[in-house]
Amino acid sequence: MSTVQSIQRAFAVLATLADGPIGVTELADRVGLPKSTAARLLAALQREGAVEQVPGETRYRLGPLIAALAARHVPTRDLVAVARGHLAELATAVGEIAGLSVPDGRVVHFVAQVGTAHEVQVRDWTGSRVPMHAVASGQAVLAHLPDAALERYLATALEAFTPSTIIDPGRLRERLWRIRRDGHIWARDEFTEGLSAVAAPLLGPDGTVLGAVHVHGPSYRFPAPGTEPRVSERILRTAARVSGELRHGPGSTIAPPPARRTR
């Protein structure tokens, strides 16, 4: 079997199992494969955790890997729908623009923004894609990536956008450790001079990072003197509420992500 053909047949098997547990013979009939081929595919998928046998039976069903992958997937439109009301509350409470971004390869994609009544406004970043290391929301995502994914990111050259952009992997690791410890991060003049932001990660049902909420404003007024602790607390609360609703439905909240003990 060619690699492409194997993949196509494996997906046909998984799609059939999505209807419920089934035996090898019936599965082979449904997908139009010899029974021996269907059995080999099931064995391979079982080794990967994509399928499993029903305990005490000969029938197969979808395995824990499929459930885990599905749990990690939250369509961007659903994420925006859940977050938008909380972003509006956050923007009103802080008095600056609140936004939402999601990871997209090596960048974060700004997918929603809620403004304020300030006469001096910051540009609308909706639709923009920015390297993760250069903005607070991207750093919040980087801090919660699996170790292998983070190391792949750090292994490439990091672009400097201002003199304050962190491009040294060692310094960036230190920043990411602080994000994991504190649950949020402030970034000042790192992507655009004169722009400051604070961000906190959004976590899915299995702890996978789905994106980040952030607030940003002109550095000359944000954060206002003495307000940084209050703003930090607000962004942490907003991220916990959005993450809680993604996991458990409206009105739910979760505790901030636990700090990692090692550096």
Protein backbone atom coordinates (compact mmCIF):
# COMPACT_ATOMS: atom_id res chain seq x y z
CA MET A 1 0.00 0.00 0.00
CA SER A 2 1.31 3.49 -0.80
CA THR A 3 1.62 5.98 2.04
CA VAL A 4 -1.18 8.15 0.66
CA GLN A 5 -3.43 5.16 0.15
CA SER A 6 -2.71 3.95 3.69
CA ILE A 7 -3.66 7.33 5.11
CA GLN A 8 -6.87 7.43 3.07
CA ARG A 9 -7.84 3.96 4.24
CA ALA A 10 -6.97 4.74 7.85
CA PHE A 11 -9.27 7.78 7.77
CA ALA A 12 -12.01 5.66 6.22
CA VAL A 13 -11.67 3.25 9.13
CA LEU A 14 -11.79 6.06 11.69
CA ALA A 15 -14.82 7.66 10.02
CA THR A 16 -16.64 4.33 10.14
CA LEU A 17 -15.78 3.80 13.82
CA ALA A 18 -17.18 7.25 14.57
CA ASP A 19 -20.64 5.68 14.16
CA GLY A 20 -19.94 3.29 17.04
CA PRO A 21 -18.13 0.03 17.87
CA ILE A 22 -17.88 -2.49 15.06
CA GLY A 23 -16.19 -5.82 14.31
CA VAL A 24 -13.44 -6.40 11.76
CA THR A 25 -15.64 -8.22 9.24
CA GLU A 26 -18.37 -5.58 9.17
CA LEU A 27 -15.77 -2.81 9.10
CA ALA A 28 -14.07 -4.37 6.09
CA ASP A 29 -17.41 -4.58 4.28
CA ARG A 30 -18.27 -0.95 5.01
CA VAL A 31 -14.98 0.51 3.82
CA GLY A 32 -14.57 -1.91 0.92
CA LEU A 33 -11.33 -3.56 2.06
CA PRO A 34 -10.19 -7.16 2.39
CA LYS A 35 -10.61 -8.33 5.95
CA SER A 36 -6.84 -8.89 6.30
CA THR A 37 -6.14 -5.28 5.24
CA ALA A 38 -8.76 -3.93 7.66
CA ALA A 39 -7.22 -5.99 10.46
CA ARG A 40 -3.73 -4.64 9.74
CA LEU A 41 -5.00 -1.06 9.74
CA LEU A 42 -6.83 -1.59 13.01
CA ALA A 43 -3.70 -3.09 14.57
CA ALA A 44 -1.59 -0.12 13.45
CA LEU A 45 -4.17 2.40 14.66
CA GLN A 46 -4.47 0.57 17.96
CA ARG A 47 -0.72 0.82 18.55
CA GLU A 48 -1.02 4.60 18.14
CA GLY A 49 -3.98 4.87 20.49
CA ALA A 50 -6.36 5.95 17.72
CA VAL A 51 -8.58 2.87 18.15
CA GLU A 52 -9.10 0.30 20.90
CA GLN A 53 -11.01 -2.92 21.42
CA VAL A 54 -14.16 -2.78 23.49
CA PRO A 55 -13.26 -4.55 26.77
CA GLY A 56 -14.33 -8.19 26.68
CA GLU A 57 -15.37 -8.00 23.01
CA THR A 58 -13.87 -8.34 19.54
CA ARG A 59 -15.36 -5.06 18.33
CA TYR A 60 -13.30 -1.88 17.92
CA ARG A 61 -14.05 1.72 18.78
CA LEU A 62 -12.27 5.10 18.60
CA GLY A 63 -9.40 5.31 21.05
CA PRO A 64 -8.13 7.86 23.58
CA LEU A 65 -5.87 9.62 21.07
CA ILE A 66 -8.85 10.73 18.99
CA ALA A 67 -10.65 12.01 22.08
CA ALA A 68 -7.56 13.94 23.17
CA LEU A 69 -7.10 15.54 19.75
CA ALA A 70 -10.77 16.49 19.55
CA ALA A 71 -10.63 18.05 23.02
CA ARG A 72 -7.82 20.33 21.89
CA HIS A 73 -9.71 21.68 18.90
CA VAL A 74 -11.79 24.79 19.51
CA PRO A 75 -12.79 26.58 16.29
CA THR A 76 -11.66 30.20 16.29
CA ARG A 77 -15.23 31.43 15.74
CA ASP A 78 -16.33 29.60 18.92
CA LEU A 79 -13.41 31.01 20.86
CA VAL A 80 -14.26 34.54 19.73
CA ALA A 81 -17.93 34.03 20.62
CA VAL A 82 -17.04 32.89 24.14
CA ALA A 83 -14.44 35.60 24.70
CA ARG A 84 -16.06 38.71 23.21
CA GLY A 85 -18.29 39.61 26.17
CA HIS A 86 -15.41 39.14 28.59
CA LEU A 87 -13.17 41.29 26.41
CA ALA A 88 -15.76 44.07 26.50
CA GLU A 89 -15.87 43.91 30.31
CA LEU A 90 -12.08 43.89 30.46
CA ALA A 91 -11.73 46.91 28.14
CA THR A 92 -14.29 48.85 30.16
CA ALA A 93 -12.66 47.99 33.49
CA VAL A 94 -9.13 48.83 32.36
CA GLY A 95 -9.93 51.69 29.99
CA GLU A 96 -7.79 50.35 27.15
CA ILE A 97 -8.24 48.06 24.17
CA ALA A 98 -8.70 44.34 24.91
CA GLY A 99 -8.03 41.63 22.34
CA LEU A 100 -7.81 37.95 21.60
CA SER A 101 -5.15 36.09 19.64
CA VAL A 102 -4.61 32.47 18.64
CA PRO A 103 -1.48 30.58 17.59
CA ASP A 104 -0.92 30.06 13.88
CA GLY A 105 2.38 28.32 13.27
CA ARG A 106 5.16 30.63 14.44
CA VAL A 107 2.88 33.65 14.76
CA VAL A 108 -0.10 34.77 16.77
CA HIS A 109 -3.15 35.82 14.81
CA PHE A 110 -5.16 38.67 16.33
CA VAL A 111 -8.77 37.58 15.84
CA ALA A 112 -10.81 39.99 17.98
CA GLN A 113 -10.48 43.45 19.53
CA VAL A 114 -12.78 45.58 21.69
CA GLY A 115 -12.12 49.31 21.87
CA THR A 116 -12.74 52.08 24.39
CA ALA A 117 -13.88 55.68 24.35
CA HIS A 118 -10.34 57.07 24.55
CA GLU A 119 -9.79 59.93 22.12
CA VAL A 120 -6.26 58.67 21.43
CA GLN A 121 -6.79 55.17 20.07
CA VAL A 122 -4.37 52.39 19.18
CA ARG A 123 -4.77 50.85 15.73
CA ASP A 124 -7.05 47.86 15.25
CA TRP A 125 -4.79 44.81 15.14
CA THR A 126 -7.55 42.39 14.10
CA GLY A 127 -6.28 40.18 11.28
CA SER A 128 -2.61 40.90 11.98
CA ARG A 129 -0.10 38.06 12.39
CA VAL A 130 2.95 38.73 14.54
CA PRO A 131 5.90 36.50 15.52
CA MET A 132 5.19 35.02 18.94
CA HIS A 133 8.33 36.25 20.66
CA ALA A 134 7.62 39.90 19.81
CA VAL A 135 4.31 40.46 21.63
CA ALA A 136 2.90 39.70 25.08
CA SER A 137 0.12 37.46 23.78
CA GLY A 138 2.57 35.44 21.70
CA GLN A 139 4.88 35.01 24.67
CA ALA A 140 1.92 33.81 26.75
CA VAL A 141 1.34 31.13 24.10
CA LEU A 142 5.04 30.22 23.80
CA ALA A 143 5.29 29.72 27.55
CA HIS A 144 2.73 26.92 27.42
CA LEU A 145 3.81 25.10 24.28
CA PRO A 146 5.17 21.54 24.63
CA ASP A 147 8.92 21.59 25.22
CA ALA A 148 9.73 20.19 21.77
CA ALA A 149 7.65 22.85 19.99
CA LEU A 150 9.24 25.61 22.07
CA GLU A 151 12.76 24.39 21.29
CA ARG A 152 11.97 24.33 17.56
CA TYR A 153 10.85 27.94 17.80
CA LEU A 154 13.92 29.05 19.73
CA ALA A 155 16.27 27.21 17.33
CA THR A 156 15.56 29.72 14.54
CA ALA A 157 16.68 33.34 14.26
CA LEU A 158 14.36 35.71 16.13
CA GLU A 159 13.60 39.02 14.45
CA ALA A 160 14.04 42.30 16.34
CA PHE A 161 11.29 44.87 15.76
CA THR A 162 12.50 47.45 18.30
CA PRO A 163 15.56 47.72 20.55
CA SER A 164 13.42 46.14 23.29
CA THR A 165 12.47 42.99 21.36
CA ILE A 166 13.82 39.91 23.13
CA ILE A 167 15.76 37.88 20.56
CA ASP A 168 18.24 36.08 22.82
CA PRO A 169 16.95 32.53 23.52
CA GLY A 170 18.32 32.60 27.08
CA ARG A 171 16.55 35.84 27.95
CA LEU A 172 13.37 34.64 26.28
CA ARG A 173 13.44 31.40 28.29
CA GLU A 174 13.70 33.50 31.45
CA ARG A 175 10.69 35.55 30.33
CA LEU A 176 8.69 32.41 29.58
CA TRP A 177 9.54 30.94 32.98
CA ARG A 178 8.14 34.08 34.63
CA ILE A 179 4.94 33.74 32.58
CA ARG A 180 4.48 30.16 33.77
CA ARG A 181 5.13 31.30 37.33
CA ASP A 182 2.90 34.39 37.31
CA GLY A 183 0.22 33.40 34.77
CA HIS A 184 0.60 36.63 32.78
CA ILE A 185 3.22 38.93 31.25
CA TRP A 186 3.79 42.63 30.63
CA ALA A 187 5.66 43.73 27.49
CA ARG A 188 6.70 47.32 26.87
CA ASP A 189 7.82 48.69 23.49
CA GLU A 190 8.85 45.22 22.28
CA PHE A 191 6.95 45.10 18.99
CA THR A 192 6.11 48.76 18.47
CA GLU A 193 7.81 51.60 20.30
CA GLY A 194 5.33 53.45 22.45
CA LEU A 195 2.99 50.46 22.88
CA SER A 196 2.63 48.41 26.08
CA ALA A 197 0.59 45.25 26.61
CA VAL A 198 -0.29 42.64 29.21
CA ALA A 199 -1.47 39.14 28.28
CA ALA A 200 -2.55 35.84 29.85
CA PRO A 201 -2.99 32.42 28.19
CA LEU A 202 -6.25 30.61 27.46
CA LEU A 203 -6.14 26.90 28.26
CA GLY A 204 -8.25 24.13 26.77
CA PRO A 205 -9.80 21.12 28.52
CA ASP A 206 -6.51 19.20 28.65
CA GLY A 207 -4.37 22.22 29.51
CA THR A 208 -3.34 22.87 25.91
CA VAL A 209 -2.85 26.56 25.18
CA LEU A 210 -5.52 27.82 22.76
CA GLY A 211 -4.60 31.48 22.60
CA ALA A 212 -4.31 34.55 24.81
CA VAL A 213 -6.26 37.56 25.96
CA HIS A 214 -4.48 40.87 26.16
CA VAL A 215 -4.86 44.57 26.85
CA HIS A 216 -2.70 47.16 25.13
CA GLY A 217 -2.35 50.90 25.06
CA PRO A 218 0.11 53.75 24.58
CA SER A 219 3.07 53.38 26.91
CA TYR A 220 2.78 56.96 28.15
CA ARG A 221 -0.57 56.18 29.80
CA PHE A 222 -0.68 52.40 30.13
CA PRO A 223 -0.37 51.20 32.74
CA ALA A 224 -1.22 54.32 34.72
CA PRO A 225 0.93 54.76 37.84
CA GLY A 226 -0.10 52.37 40.59
CA THR A 227 -2.57 50.38 38.42
CA GLU A 228 -0.35 47.52 37.24
CA PRO A 229 -1.39 45.07 40.02
CA ARG A 230 -5.09 45.79 39.41
CA VAL A 231 -4.76 45.38 35.65
CA SER A 232 -2.78 42.16 36.12
CA GLU A 233 -5.51 40.78 38.36
CA ARG A 234 -8.20 41.69 35.83
CA ILE A 235 -6.47 39.98 32.92
CA LEU A 236 -5.88 36.85 35.01
CA ARG A 237 -9.54 36.79 36.00
CA THR A 238 -10.67 37.26 32.39
CA ALA A 239 -8.42 34.47 31.12
CA ALA A 240 -9.69 32.15 33.86
CA ARG A 241 -13.31 32.89 32.97
CA VAL A 242 -12.85 32.36 29.24
CA SER A 243 -10.87 29.16 29.82
CA GLY A 244 -13.53 27.95 32.26
CA GLU A 245 -16.35 28.51 29.79
CA LEU A 246 -14.43 26.71 27.06
CA ARG A 247 -14.09 23.72 29.37
CA HIS A 248 -17.33 23.67 31.30
CA GLY A 249 -19.81 26.12 29.78
CA PRO A 250 -21.10 29.62 30.65
CA GLY A 251 -20.41 30.91 34.14
CA SER A 252 -17.51 28.56 34.78
CA THR A 253 -14.01 29.61 35.73
CA ILE A 254 -10.73 27.86 36.43
CA ALA A 255 -7.72 28.55 38.57
CA PRO A 256 -4.72 30.19 36.86
CA PRO A 257 -2.21 27.69 35.43
CA PRO A 258 0.13 26.29 38.11
CA ALA A 259 3.69 27.53 38.20
CA ARG A 260 6.38 25.14 37.02
CA ARG A 261 8.89 24.29 39.74
CA THR A 262 11.96 24.02 37.55
CA ARG A 263 13.71 26.56 35.38
